[in-house]
Amino acid sequence: MSEVNIKVEIAGSIFPLKVDAADEQNIKEAVDLINNKISEFEKNYGVKDKKDVLAMVMLQLVALLYKQANTAERELSDLKKLFADVEGMLKTHLQNIKTINEE
């Protein structure tokens, strides 16, 4: 993969990054999300200390990530069960066809 050098600004600080070109847009969107959350916390809660704001943003985003990961894990588990049930039904159906053909 090709890598690109980009600079992102988070909470007023510039960070140079080397990322895969395919990930560049995702990184920029993540930076926008972080900066929007920072603005939201500063506005709604009057928090001025950047470390405090960053900690609050990090907590909110990581909590959301964990929630989505747990939801995805439950959905994957449900799909695995569904596929196992379908596989069982197909095996039963195949056995029934074999029985009918043997008669």
PDB file of N, CA and C in Angstrom:
ATOM      1  N   MET A   1       0.844  -1.185   0.000  1.00  0.00           N
ATOM      2  CA  MET A   1       0.000   0.000   0.000  1.00  0.00           C
ATOM      3  C   MET A   1       0.887   1.245   0.000  1.00  0.00           C
ATOM      4  N   SER A   2       0.375   2.296  -0.571  1.00  0.00           N
ATOM      5  CA  SER A   2       1.156   3.529  -0.583  1.00  0.00           C
ATOM      6  C   SER A   2       0.825   4.344   0.662  1.00  0.00           C
ATOM      7  N   GLU A   3       1.856   4.926   1.198  1.00  0.00           N
ATOM      8  CA  GLU A   3       1.690   5.753   2.388  1.00  0.00           C
ATOM      9  C   GLU A   3       1.769   7.220   1.993  1.00  0.00           C
ATOM     10  N   VAL A   4       1.033   8.045   2.739  1.00  0.00           N
ATOM     11  CA  VAL A   4       1.067   9.483   2.514  1.00  0.00           C
ATOM     12  C   VAL A   4       1.359  10.167   3.840  1.00  0.00           C
ATOM     13  N   ASN A   5       2.007  11.303   3.748  1.00  0.00           N
ATOM     14  CA  ASN A   5       2.255  12.119   4.929  1.00  0.00           C
ATOM     15  C   ASN A   5       1.168  13.181   5.010  1.00  0.00           C
ATOM     16  N   ILE A   6       0.520  13.249   6.167  1.00  0.00           N
ATOM     17  CA  ILE A   6      -0.505  14.271   6.361  1.00  0.00           C
ATOM     18  C   ILE A   6      -0.250  14.957   7.692  1.00  0.00           C
ATOM     19  N   LYS A   7      -0.820  16.121   7.849  1.00  0.00           N
ATOM     20  CA  LYS A   7      -0.776  16.830   9.115  1.00  0.00           C
ATOM     21  C   LYS A   7      -2.213  17.022   9.566  1.00  0.00           C
ATOM     22  N   VAL A   8      -2.473  16.679  10.813  1.00  0.00           N
ATOM     23  CA  VAL A   8      -3.814  16.864  11.365  1.00  0.00           C
ATOM     24  C   VAL A   8      -3.718  17.778  12.577  1.00  0.00           C
ATOM     25  N   GLU A   9      -4.786  18.511  12.796  1.00  0.00           N
ATOM     26  CA  GLU A   9      -4.837  19.406  13.956  1.00  0.00           C
ATOM     27  C   GLU A   9      -5.915  18.901  14.900  1.00  0.00           C
ATOM     28  N   ILE A  10      -5.500  18.628  16.128  1.00  0.00           N
ATOM     29  CA  ILE A  10      -6.421  18.196  17.173  1.00  0.00           C
ATOM     30  C   ILE A  10      -6.201  19.085  18.385  1.00  0.00           C
ATOM     31  N   ALA A  11      -7.270  19.719  18.827  1.00  0.00           N
ATOM     32  CA  ALA A  11      -7.235  20.576  20.023  1.00  0.00           C
ATOM     33  C   ALA A  11      -6.158  21.653  19.903  1.00  0.00           C
ATOM     34  N   GLY A  12      -5.956  22.172  18.695  1.00  0.00           N
ATOM     35  CA  GLY A  12      -5.007  23.252  18.496  1.00  0.00           C
ATOM     36  C   GLY A  12      -3.567  22.825  18.295  1.00  0.00           C
ATOM     37  N   SER A  13      -3.292  21.535  18.355  1.00  0.00           N
ATOM     38  CA  SER A  13      -1.935  21.032  18.128  1.00  0.00           C
ATOM     39  C   SER A  13      -1.878  20.315  16.789  1.00  0.00           C
ATOM     40  N   ILE A  14      -0.756  20.477  16.094  1.00  0.00           N
ATOM     41  CA  ILE A  14      -0.545  19.851  14.793  1.00  0.00           C
ATOM     42  C   ILE A  14       0.242  18.559  14.995  1.00  0.00           C
ATOM     43  N   PHE A  15      -0.232  17.496  14.333  1.00  0.00           N
ATOM     44  CA  PHE A  15       0.420  16.201  14.415  1.00  0.00           C
ATOM     45  C   PHE A  15       0.715  15.696  13.012  1.00  0.00           C
ATOM     46  N   PRO A  16       1.996  15.467  12.691  1.00  0.00           N
ATOM     47  CA  PRO A  16       2.319  14.863  11.397  1.00  0.00           C
ATOM     48  C   PRO A  16       2.107  13.351  11.481  1.00  0.00           C
ATOM     49  N   LEU A  17       1.482  12.798  10.468  1.00  0.00           N
ATOM     50  CA  LEU A  17       1.210  11.362  10.447  1.00  0.00           C
ATOM     51  C   LEU A  17       1.618  10.775   9.103  1.00  0.00           C
ATOM     52  N   LYS A  18       2.017   9.517   9.137  1.00  0.00           N
ATOM     53  CA  LYS A  18       2.233   8.752   7.923  1.00  0.00           C
ATOM     54  C   LYS A  18       1.192   7.644   7.949  1.00  0.00           C
ATOM     55  N   VAL A  19       0.286   7.675   6.974  1.00  0.00           N
ATOM     56  CA  VAL A  19      -0.827   6.724   6.955  1.00  0.00           C
ATOM     57  C   VAL A  19      -0.945   6.095   5.573  1.00  0.00           C
ATOM     58  N   ASP A  20      -1.598   4.944   5.509  1.00  0.00           N
ATOM     59  CA  ASP A  20      -1.912   4.355   4.215  1.00  0.00           C
ATOM     60  C   ASP A  20      -2.857   5.296   3.488  1.00  0.00           C
ATOM     61  N   ALA A  21      -2.640   5.437   2.201  1.00  0.00           N
ATOM     62  CA  ALA A  21      -3.480   6.335   1.408  1.00  0.00           C
ATOM     63  C   ALA A  21      -4.957   5.966   1.532  1.00  0.00           C
ATOM     64  N   ALA A  22      -5.237   4.676   1.640  1.00  0.00           N
ATOM     65  CA  ALA A  22      -6.616   4.210   1.755  1.00  0.00           C
ATOM     66  C   ALA A  22      -7.257   4.642   3.073  1.00  0.00           C
ATOM     67  N   ASP A  23      -6.447   4.923   4.081  1.00  0.00           N
ATOM     68  CA  ASP A  23      -6.960   5.307   5.398  1.00  0.00           C
ATOM     69  C   ASP A  23      -7.046   6.814   5.598  1.00  0.00           C
ATOM     70  N   GLU A  24      -6.525   7.579   4.654  1.00  0.00           N
ATOM     71  CA  GLU A  24      -6.430   9.033   4.843  1.00  0.00           C
ATOM     72  C   GLU A  24      -7.791   9.674   5.125  1.00  0.00           C
ATOM     73  N   GLN A  25      -8.805   9.316   4.353  1.00  0.00           N
ATOM     74  CA  GLN A  25     -10.123   9.925   4.551  1.00  0.00           C
ATOM     75  C   GLN A  25     -10.700   9.552   5.913  1.00  0.00           C
ATOM     76  N   ASN A  26     -10.513   8.311   6.337  1.00  0.00           N
ATOM     77  CA  ASN A  26     -10.999   7.884   7.655  1.00  0.00           C
ATOM     78  C   ASN A  26     -10.311   8.670   8.769  1.00  0.00           C
ATOM     79  N   ILE A  27      -9.017   8.896   8.620  1.00  0.00           N
ATOM     80  CA  ILE A  27      -8.270   9.665   9.619  1.00  0.00           C
ATOM     81  C   ILE A  27      -8.811  11.088   9.688  1.00  0.00           C
ATOM     82  N   LYS A  28      -9.024  11.682   8.539  1.00  0.00           N
ATOM     83  CA  LYS A  28      -9.535  13.065   8.514  1.00  0.00           C
ATOM     84  C   LYS A  28     -10.932  13.154   9.128  1.00  0.00           C
ATOM     85  N   GLU A  29     -11.763  12.169   8.865  1.00  0.00           N
ATOM     86  CA  GLU A  29     -13.099  12.151   9.457  1.00  0.00           C
ATOM     87  C   GLU A  29     -13.024  11.962  10.975  1.00  0.00           C
ATOM     88  N   ALA A  30     -12.095  11.126  11.429  1.00  0.00           N
ATOM     89  CA  ALA A  30     -11.913  10.925  12.868  1.00  0.00           C
ATOM     90  C   ALA A  30     -11.442  12.217  13.535  1.00  0.00           C
ATOM     91  N   VAL A  31     -10.529  12.924  12.878  1.00  0.00           N
ATOM     92  CA  VAL A  31     -10.038  14.199  13.408  1.00  0.00           C
ATOM     93  C   VAL A  31     -11.186  15.202  13.499  1.00  0.00           C
ATOM     94  N   ASP A  32     -12.024  15.251  12.466  1.00  0.00           N
ATOM     95  CA  ASP A  32     -13.182  16.155  12.494  1.00  0.00           C
ATOM     96  C   ASP A  32     -14.116  15.797  13.655  1.00  0.00           C
ATOM     97  N   LEU A  33     -14.358  14.511  13.841  1.00  0.00           N
ATOM     98  CA  LEU A  33     -15.221  14.063  14.938  1.00  0.00           C
ATOM     99  C   LEU A  33     -14.644  14.471  16.286  1.00  0.00           C
ATOM    100  N   ILE A  34     -13.363  14.244  16.477  1.00  0.00           N
ATOM    101  CA  ILE A  34     -12.701  14.601  17.736  1.00  0.00           C
ATOM    102  C   ILE A  34     -12.793  16.102  17.980  1.00  0.00           C
ATOM    103  N   ASN A  35     -12.470  16.891  16.970  1.00  0.00           N
ATOM    104  CA  ASN A  35     -12.515  18.354  17.131  1.00  0.00           C
ATOM    105  C   ASN A  35     -13.933  18.857  17.380  1.00  0.00           C
ATOM    106  N   ASN A  36     -14.924  18.243  16.736  1.00  0.00           N
ATOM    107  CA  ASN A  36     -16.312  18.622  16.990  1.00  0.00           C
ATOM    108  C   ASN A  36     -16.722  18.284  18.418  1.00  0.00           C
ATOM    109  N   LYS A  37     -16.299  17.126  18.906  1.00  0.00           N
ATOM    110  CA  LYS A  37     -16.607  16.736  20.289  1.00  0.00           C
ATOM    111  C   LYS A  37     -15.920  17.682  21.269  1.00  0.00           C
ATOM    112  N   ILE A  38     -14.694  18.078  20.957  1.00  0.00           N
ATOM    113  CA  ILE A  38     -13.977  19.030  21.826  1.00  0.00           C
ATOM    114  C   ILE A  38     -14.764  20.329  21.911  1.00  0.00           C
ATOM    115  N   SER A  39     -15.194  20.839  20.768  1.00  0.00           N
ATOM    116  CA  SER A  39     -15.976  22.085  20.744  1.00  0.00           C
ATOM    117  C   SER A  39     -17.270  21.926  21.531  1.00  0.00           C
ATOM    118  N   GLU A  40     -17.910  20.783  21.362  1.00  0.00           N
ATOM    119  CA  GLU A  40     -19.161  20.497  22.069  1.00  0.00           C
ATOM    120  C   GLU A  40     -18.956  20.507  23.585  1.00  0.00           C
ATOM    121  N   PHE A  41     -17.916  19.841  24.062  1.00  0.00           N
ATOM    122  CA  PHE A  41     -17.642  19.803  25.501  1.00  0.00           C
ATOM    123  C   PHE A  41     -17.274  21.188  26.030  1.00  0.00           C
ATOM    124  N   GLU A  42     -16.471  21.919  25.275  1.00  0.00           N
ATOM    125  CA  GLU A  42     -16.088  23.269  25.713  1.00  0.00           C
ATOM    126  C   GLU A  42     -17.317  24.173  25.802  1.00  0.00           C
ATOM    127  N   LYS A  43     -18.201  24.055  24.840  1.00  0.00           N
ATOM    128  CA  LYS A  43     -19.396  24.898  24.807  1.00  0.00           C
ATOM    129  C   LYS A  43     -20.410  24.489  25.871  1.00  0.00           C
ATOM    130  N   ASN A  44     -20.712  23.207  25.943  1.00  0.00           N
ATOM    131  CA  ASN A  44     -21.778  22.737  26.828  1.00  0.00           C
ATOM    132  C   ASN A  44     -21.378  22.650  28.302  1.00  0.00           C
ATOM    133  N   TYR A  45     -20.113  22.414  28.562  1.00  0.00           N
ATOM    134  CA  TYR A  45     -19.688  22.198  29.945  1.00  0.00           C
ATOM    135  C   TYR A  45     -18.716  23.262  30.446  1.00  0.00           C
ATOM    136  N   GLY A  46     -18.347  24.189  29.599  1.00  0.00           N
ATOM    137  CA  GLY A  46     -17.457  25.259  30.018  1.00  0.00           C
ATOM    138  C   GLY A  46     -16.071  24.772  30.421  1.00  0.00           C
ATOM    139  N   VAL A  47     -15.667  23.641  29.909  1.00  0.00           N
ATOM    140  CA  VAL A  47     -14.351  23.096  30.230  1.00  0.00           C
ATOM    141  C   VAL A  47     -13.327  23.757  29.315  1.00  0.00           C
ATOM    142  N   LYS A  48     -12.293  24.325  29.913  1.00  0.00           N
ATOM    143  CA  LYS A  48     -11.278  25.029  29.120  1.00  0.00           C
ATOM    144  C   LYS A  48      -9.955  24.267  29.054  1.00  0.00           C
ATOM    145  N   ASP A  49      -9.673  23.458  30.038  1.00  0.00           N
ATOM    146  CA  ASP A  49      -8.413  22.710  30.073  1.00  0.00           C
ATOM    147  C   ASP A  49      -8.449  21.637  28.978  1.00  0.00           C
ATOM    148  N   LYS A  50      -7.529  21.738  28.036  1.00  0.00           N
ATOM    149  CA  LYS A  50      -7.518  20.821  26.892  1.00  0.00           C
ATOM    150  C   LYS A  50      -7.343  19.364  27.323  1.00  0.00           C
ATOM    151  N   LYS A  51      -6.541  19.126  28.374  1.00  0.00           N
ATOM    152  CA  LYS A  51      -6.363  17.753  28.843  1.00  0.00           C
ATOM    153  C   LYS A  51      -7.681  17.190  29.348  1.00  0.00           C
ATOM    154  N   ASP A  52      -8.427  17.985  30.091  1.00  0.00           N
ATOM    155  CA  ASP A  52      -9.714  17.524  30.608  1.00  0.00           C
ATOM    156  C   ASP A  52     -10.696  17.260  29.473  1.00  0.00           C
ATOM    157  N   VAL A  53     -10.729  18.168  28.507  1.00  0.00           N
ATOM    158  CA  VAL A  53     -11.632  18.005  27.368  1.00  0.00           C
ATOM    159  C   VAL A  53     -11.252  16.764  26.575  1.00  0.00           C
ATOM    160  N   LEU A  54      -9.971  16.580  26.323  1.00  0.00           N
ATOM    161  CA  LEU A  54      -9.525  15.402  25.569  1.00  0.00           C
ATOM    162  C   LEU A  54      -9.869  14.111  26.311  1.00  0.00           C
ATOM    163  N   ALA A  55      -9.718  14.116  27.628  1.00  0.00           N
ATOM    164  CA  ALA A  55     -10.063  12.931  28.422  1.00  0.00           C
ATOM    165  C   ALA A  55     -11.563  12.643  28.317  1.00  0.00           C
ATOM    166  N   MET A  56     -12.387  13.673  28.380  1.00  0.00           N
ATOM    167  CA  MET A  56     -13.827  13.488  28.282  1.00  0.00           C
ATOM    168  C   MET A  56     -14.229  12.985  26.890  1.00  0.00           C
ATOM    169  N   VAL A  57     -13.623  13.544  25.852  1.00  0.00           N
ATOM    170  CA  VAL A  57     -13.900  13.107  24.490  1.00  0.00           C
ATOM    171  C   VAL A  57     -13.466  11.655  24.313  1.00  0.00           C
ATOM    172  N   MET A  58     -12.281  11.328  24.796  1.00  0.00           N
ATOM    173  CA  MET A  58     -11.772   9.965  24.690  1.00  0.00           C
ATOM    174  C   MET A  58     -12.722   8.993  25.381  1.00  0.00           C
ATOM    175  N   LEU A  59     -13.177   9.324  26.577  1.00  0.00           N
ATOM    176  CA  LEU A  59     -14.081   8.447  27.306  1.00  0.00           C
ATOM    177  C   LEU A  59     -15.376   8.236  26.519  1.00  0.00           C
ATOM    178  N   GLN A  60     -15.942   9.311  26.005  1.00  0.00           N
ATOM    179  CA  GLN A  60     -17.194   9.202  25.260  1.00  0.00           C
ATOM    180  C   GLN A  60     -17.020   8.345  24.000  1.00  0.00           C
ATOM    181  N   LEU A  61     -15.958   8.580  23.256  1.00  0.00           N
ATOM    182  CA  LEU A  61     -15.749   7.841  22.010  1.00  0.00           C
ATOM    183  C   LEU A  61     -15.399   6.376  22.261  1.00  0.00           C
ATOM    184  N   VAL A  62     -14.604   6.100  23.277  1.00  0.00           N
ATOM    185  CA  VAL A  62     -14.256   4.707  23.579  1.00  0.00           C
ATOM    186  C   VAL A  62     -15.486   3.962  24.097  1.00  0.00           C
ATOM    187  N   ALA A  63     -16.318   4.629  24.899  1.00  0.00           N
ATOM    188  CA  ALA A  63     -17.550   3.997  25.380  1.00  0.00           C
ATOM    189  C   ALA A  63     -18.447   3.646  24.191  1.00  0.00           C
ATOM    190  N   LEU A  64     -18.548   4.541  23.227  1.00  0.00           N
ATOM    191  CA  LEU A  64     -19.340   4.280  22.027  1.00  0.00           C
ATOM    192  C   LEU A  64     -18.746   3.115  21.233  1.00  0.00           C
ATOM    193  N   LEU A  65     -17.426   3.083  21.123  1.00  0.00           N
ATOM    194  CA  LEU A  65     -16.752   1.999  20.412  1.00  0.00           C
ATOM    195  C   LEU A  65     -17.051   0.654  21.070  1.00  0.00           C
ATOM    196  N   TYR A  66     -16.950   0.593  22.399  1.00  0.00           N
ATOM    197  CA  TYR A  66     -17.237  -0.649  23.126  1.00  0.00           C
ATOM    198  C   TYR A  66     -18.694  -1.063  22.931  1.00  0.00           C
ATOM    199  N   LYS A  67     -19.601  -0.116  22.965  1.00  0.00           N
ATOM    200  CA  LYS A  67     -21.020  -0.424  22.771  1.00  0.00           C
ATOM    201  C   LYS A  67     -21.242  -1.026  21.385  1.00  0.00           C
ATOM    202  N   GLN A  68     -20.652  -0.413  20.370  1.00  0.00           N
ATOM    203  CA  GLN A  68     -20.804  -0.915  19.010  1.00  0.00           C
ATOM    204  C   GLN A  68     -20.136  -2.277  18.842  1.00  0.00           C
ATOM    205  N   ALA A  69     -18.986  -2.473  19.478  1.00  0.00           N
ATOM    206  CA  ALA A  69     -18.293  -3.765  19.385  1.00  0.00           C
ATOM    207  C   ALA A  69     -19.125  -4.864  20.040  1.00  0.00           C
ATOM    208  N   ASN A  70     -19.726  -4.565  21.183  1.00  0.00           N
ATOM    209  CA  ASN A  70     -20.555  -5.557  21.864  1.00  0.00           C
ATOM    210  C   ASN A  70     -21.798  -5.889  21.045  1.00  0.00           C
ATOM    211  N   THR A  71     -22.385  -4.874  20.439  1.00  0.00           N
ATOM    212  CA  THR A  71     -23.551  -5.096  19.580  1.00  0.00           C
ATOM    213  C   THR A  71     -23.167  -5.963  18.385  1.00  0.00           C
ATOM    214  N   ALA A  72     -22.042  -5.657  17.770  1.00  0.00           N
ATOM    215  CA  ALA A  72     -21.576  -6.439  16.618  1.00  0.00           C
ATOM    216  C   ALA A  72     -21.287  -7.882  17.034  1.00  0.00           C
ATOM    217  N   GLU A  73     -20.719  -8.064  18.212  1.00  0.00           N
ATOM    218  CA  GLU A  73     -20.406  -9.412  18.699  1.00  0.00           C
ATOM    219  C   GLU A  73     -21.686 -10.217  18.918  1.00  0.00           C
ATOM    220  N   ARG A  74     -22.713  -9.573  19.509  1.00  0.00           N
ATOM    221  CA  ARG A  74     -24.000 -10.255  19.711  1.00  0.00           C
ATOM    222  C   ARG A  74     -24.640 -10.608  18.372  1.00  0.00           C
ATOM    223  N   GLU A  75     -24.596  -9.674  17.425  1.00  0.00           N
ATOM    224  CA  GLU A  75     -25.179  -9.936  16.111  1.00  0.00           C
ATOM    225  C   GLU A  75     -24.446 -11.063  15.397  1.00  0.00           C
ATOM    226  N   LEU A  76     -23.126 -11.092  15.514  1.00  0.00           N
ATOM    227  CA  LEU A  76     -22.349 -12.172  14.907  1.00  0.00           C
ATOM    228  C   LEU A  76     -22.709 -13.508  15.544  1.00  0.00           C
ATOM    229  N   SER A  77     -22.865 -13.524  16.852  1.00  0.00           N
ATOM    230  CA  SER A  77     -23.258 -14.747  17.542  1.00  0.00           C
ATOM    231  C   SER A  77     -24.630 -15.220  17.082  1.00  0.00           C
ATOM    232  N   ASP A  78     -25.563 -14.287  16.919  1.00  0.00           N
ATOM    233  CA  ASP A  78     -26.902 -14.629  16.431  1.00  0.00           C
ATOM    234  C   ASP A  78     -26.834 -15.186  15.015  1.00  0.00           C
ATOM    235  N   LEU A  79     -25.995 -14.592  14.169  1.00  0.00           N
ATOM    236  CA  LEU A  79     -25.845 -15.089  12.800  1.00  0.00           C
ATOM    237  C   LEU A  79     -25.247 -16.490  12.773  1.00  0.00           C
ATOM    238  N   LYS A  80     -24.265 -16.735  13.625  1.00  0.00           N
ATOM    239  CA  LYS A  80     -23.664 -18.072  13.683  1.00  0.00           C
ATOM    240  C   LYS A  80     -24.707 -19.106  14.073  1.00  0.00           C
ATOM    241  N   LYS A  81     -25.541 -18.760  15.048  1.00  0.00           N
ATOM    242  CA  LYS A  81     -26.610 -19.673  15.478  1.00  0.00           C
ATOM    243  C   LYS A  81     -27.586 -19.903  14.336  1.00  0.00           C
ATOM    244  N   LEU A  82     -27.963 -18.840  13.642  1.00  0.00           N
ATOM    245  CA  LEU A  82     -28.886 -18.957  12.519  1.00  0.00           C
ATOM    246  C   LEU A  82     -28.302 -19.851  11.427  1.00  0.00           C
ATOM    247  N   PHE A  83     -27.035 -19.662  11.092  1.00  0.00           N
ATOM    248  CA  PHE A  83     -26.395 -20.495  10.075  1.00  0.00           C
ATOM    249  C   PHE A  83     -26.330 -21.949  10.513  1.00  0.00           C
ATOM    250  N   ALA A  84     -26.073 -22.184  11.794  1.00  0.00           N
ATOM    251  CA  ALA A  84     -26.042 -23.559  12.300  1.00  0.00           C
ATOM    252  C   ALA A  84     -27.425 -24.196  12.183  1.00  0.00           C
ATOM    253  N   ASP A  85     -28.460 -23.417  12.489  1.00  0.00           N
ATOM    254  CA  ASP A  85     -29.836 -23.929  12.362  1.00  0.00           C
ATOM    255  C   ASP A  85     -30.159 -24.252  10.905  1.00  0.00           C
ATOM    256  N   VAL A  86     -29.800 -23.364   9.992  1.00  0.00           N
ATOM    257  CA  VAL A  86     -30.047 -23.594   8.561  1.00  0.00           C
ATOM    258  C   VAL A  86     -29.273 -24.824   8.089  1.00  0.00           C
ATOM    259  N   GLU A  87     -28.038 -24.949   8.534  1.00  0.00           N
ATOM    260  CA  GLU A  87     -27.241 -26.125   8.150  1.00  0.00           C
ATOM    261  C   GLU A  87     -27.908 -27.407   8.643  1.00  0.00           C
ATOM    262  N   GLY A  88     -28.422 -27.378   9.861  1.00  0.00           N
ATOM    263  CA  GLY A  88     -29.131 -28.546  10.397  1.00  0.00           C
ATOM    264  C   GLY A  88     -30.367 -28.872   9.578  1.00  0.00           C
ATOM    265  N   MET A  89     -31.118 -27.847   9.202  1.00  0.00           N
ATOM    266  CA  MET A  89     -32.313 -28.073   8.384  1.00  0.00           C
ATOM    267  C   MET A  89     -31.942 -28.645   7.016  1.00  0.00           C
ATOM    268  N   LEU A  90     -30.860 -28.141   6.422  1.00  0.00           N
ATOM    269  CA  LEU A  90     -30.429 -28.649   5.119  1.00  0.00           C
ATOM    270  C   LEU A  90     -29.993 -30.106   5.209  1.00  0.00           C
ATOM    271  N   LYS A  91     -29.304 -30.459   6.281  1.00  0.00           N
ATOM    272  CA  LYS A  91     -28.884 -31.857   6.465  1.00  0.00           C
ATOM    273  C   LYS A  91     -30.097 -32.755   6.617  1.00  0.00           C
ATOM    274  N   THR A  92     -31.080 -32.311   7.385  1.00  0.00           N
ATOM    275  CA  THR A  92     -32.312 -33.082   7.567  1.00  0.00           C
ATOM    276  C   THR A  92     -33.035 -33.237   6.237  1.00  0.00           C
ATOM    277  N   HIS A  93     -33.125 -32.162   5.483  1.00  0.00           N
ATOM    278  CA  HIS A  93     -33.786 -32.193   4.175  1.00  0.00           C
ATOM    279  C   HIS A  93     -33.068 -33.158   3.232  1.00  0.00           C
ATOM    280  N   LEU A  94     -31.749 -33.095   3.220  1.00  0.00           N
ATOM    281  CA  LEU A  94     -30.966 -33.996   2.364  1.00  0.00           C
ATOM    282  C   LEU A  94     -31.192 -35.442   2.765  1.00  0.00           C
ATOM    283  N   GLN A  95     -31.250 -35.701   4.056  1.00  0.00           N
ATOM    284  CA  GLN A  95     -31.493 -37.067   4.537  1.00  0.00           C
ATOM    285  C   GLN A  95     -32.893 -37.536   4.135  1.00  0.00           C
ATOM    286  N   ASN A  96     -33.867 -36.628   4.221  1.00  0.00           N
ATOM    287  CA  ASN A  96     -35.223 -36.977   3.810  1.00  0.00           C
ATOM    288  C   ASN A  96     -35.279 -37.316   2.312  1.00  0.00           C
ATOM    289  N   ILE A  97     -34.558 -36.548   1.505  1.00  0.00           N
ATOM    290  CA  ILE A  97     -34.523 -36.819   0.055  1.00  0.00           C
ATOM    291  C   ILE A  97     -33.892 -38.192  -0.211  1.00  0.00           C
ATOM    292  N   LYS A  98     -32.805 -38.502   0.510  1.00  0.00           N
ATOM    293  CA  LYS A  98     -32.152 -39.807   0.339  1.00  0.00           C
ATOM    294  C   LYS A  98     -33.113 -40.932   0.712  1.00  0.00           C
ATOM    295  N   THR A  99     -33.861 -40.717   1.787  1.00  0.00           N
ATOM    296  CA  THR A  99     -34.809 -41.743   2.234  1.00  0.00           C
ATOM    297  C   THR A  99     -35.899 -41.954   1.195  1.00  0.00           C
ATOM    298  N   ILE A 100     -36.408 -40.863   0.641  1.00  0.00           N
ATOM    299  CA  ILE A 100     -37.452 -40.963  -0.374  1.00  0.00           C
ATOM    300  C   ILE A 100     -36.927 -41.686  -1.619  1.00  0.00           C
ATOM    301  N   ASN A 101     -35.713 -41.381  -2.018  1.00  0.00           N
ATOM    302  CA  ASN A 101     -35.125 -41.996  -3.213  1.00  0.00           C
ATOM    303  C   ASN A 101     -34.842 -43.483  -3.008  1.00  0.00           C
ATOM    304  N   GLU A 102     -34.619 -43.899  -1.792  1.00  0.00           N
ATOM    305  CA  GLU A 102     -34.335 -45.299  -1.504  1.00  0.00           C
ATOM    306  C   GLU A 102     -35.617 -46.139  -1.506  1.00  0.00           C
ATOM    307  N   GLU A 103     -36.748 -45.497  -1.357  1.00  0.00           N
ATOM    308  CA  GLU A 103     -38.024 -46.241  -1.299  1.00  0.00           C
ATOM    309  C   GLU A 103     -38.487 -46.729  -2.625  1.00  0.00           C
TER     310      GLU A 103
END
